[in-house]
Amino acid sequence: MLAKFKFSIPKIIKLIFLLFNILGNFMAHKINFVANPLIFSLKTNTFGNQLY
């Protein structure tokens, strides 16, 4: 029954999930790239050590 349901989903719905996956990957990469200096500075000072 599950396989029957899988093939009955329109292709546009499948593409929406793919689009969200790609956008999520892109946003995670950009956020990590921008926030990396902030995360590093939090790990190296005393206030950041208390948070972690």
C-alpha atoms as a PDB file:
ATOM      1  CA  MET A   1       0.000   0.000   0.000  1.00  0.00           C
ATOM      2  CA  LEU A   2       2.856   2.390   0.783  1.00  0.00           C
ATOM      3  CA  ALA A   3       4.401   1.888  -2.656  1.00  0.00           C
ATOM      4  CA  LYS A   4       1.043   2.594  -4.279  1.00  0.00           C
ATOM      5  CA  PHE A   5       0.769   5.839  -2.333  1.00  0.00           C
ATOM      6  CA  LYS A   6       4.322   6.847  -3.271  1.00  0.00           C
ATOM      7  CA  PHE A   7       3.584   6.700  -6.971  1.00  0.00           C
ATOM      8  CA  SER A   8       0.312   8.580  -6.657  1.00  0.00           C
ATOM      9  CA  ILE A   9       1.999  11.753  -5.350  1.00  0.00           C
ATOM     10  CA  PRO A  10       2.202  14.421  -8.066  1.00  0.00           C
ATOM     11  CA  LYS A  11       5.696  15.314  -9.201  1.00  0.00           C
ATOM     12  CA  ILE A  12       5.321  18.954  -8.203  1.00  0.00           C
ATOM     13  CA  ILE A  13       4.902  17.872  -4.556  1.00  0.00           C
ATOM     14  CA  LYS A  14       8.089  15.818  -4.799  1.00  0.00           C
ATOM     15  CA  LEU A  15       9.898  18.842  -6.226  1.00  0.00           C
ATOM     16  CA  ILE A  16       8.723  21.023  -3.339  1.00  0.00           C
ATOM     17  CA  PHE A  17      10.467  18.701  -0.878  1.00  0.00           C
ATOM     18  CA  LEU A  18      13.599  18.797  -3.020  1.00  0.00           C
ATOM     19  CA  LEU A  19      13.465  22.598  -3.113  1.00  0.00           C
ATOM     20  CA  PHE A  20      13.146  22.809   0.680  1.00  0.00           C
ATOM     21  CA  ASN A  21      16.041  20.406   1.060  1.00  0.00           C
ATOM     22  CA  ILE A  22      18.288  22.473  -1.208  1.00  0.00           C
ATOM     23  CA  LEU A  23      17.256  25.754   0.437  1.00  0.00           C
ATOM     24  CA  GLY A  24      17.859  24.311   3.902  1.00  0.00           C
ATOM     25  CA  ASN A  25      21.290  23.108   2.878  1.00  0.00           C
ATOM     26  CA  PHE A  26      22.149  26.505   1.384  1.00  0.00           C
ATOM     27  CA  MET A  27      20.928  28.393   4.465  1.00  0.00           C
ATOM     28  CA  ALA A  28      22.813  26.113   6.855  1.00  0.00           C
ATOM     29  CA  HIS A  29      25.991  26.666   4.857  1.00  0.00           C
ATOM     30  CA  LYS A  30      25.537  30.459   4.804  1.00  0.00           C
ATOM     31  CA  ILE A  31      24.675  30.686   8.506  1.00  0.00           C
ATOM     32  CA  ASN A  32      27.661  28.539   9.440  1.00  0.00           C
ATOM     33  CA  PHE A  33      29.931  30.664   7.226  1.00  0.00           C
ATOM     34  CA  VAL A  34      28.705  33.936   8.741  1.00  0.00           C
ATOM     35  CA  ALA A  35      28.440  32.774  12.363  1.00  0.00           C
ATOM     36  CA  ASN A  36      31.763  30.893  12.422  1.00  0.00           C
ATOM     37  CA  PRO A  37      33.776  33.868  13.788  1.00  0.00           C
ATOM     38  CA  LEU A  38      31.097  34.445  16.437  1.00  0.00           C
ATOM     39  CA  ILE A  39      31.137  30.793  17.493  1.00  0.00           C
ATOM     40  CA  PHE A  40      34.936  30.799  17.610  1.00  0.00           C
ATOM     41  CA  SER A  41      35.025  33.946  19.729  1.00  0.00           C
ATOM     42  CA  LEU A  42      32.452  32.486  22.126  1.00  0.00           C
ATOM     43  CA  LYS A  43      34.525  29.338  22.542  1.00  0.00           C
ATOM     44  CA  THR A  44      37.731  31.256  23.296  1.00  0.00           C
ATOM     45  CA  ASN A  45      36.576  33.753  25.925  1.00  0.00           C
ATOM     46  CA  THR A  46      35.490  33.127  29.512  1.00  0.00           C
ATOM     47  CA  PHE A  47      31.852  34.050  28.957  1.00  0.00           C
ATOM     48  CA  GLY A  48      31.627  31.558  26.103  1.00  0.00           C
ATOM     49  CA  ASN A  49      33.261  28.856  28.192  1.00  0.00           C
ATOM     50  CA  GLN A  50      30.612  29.388  30.851  1.00  0.00           C
ATOM     51  CA  LEU A  51      27.888  29.017  28.216  1.00  0.00           C
ATOM     52  CA  TYR A  52      29.339  25.786  26.923  1.00  0.00           C
END
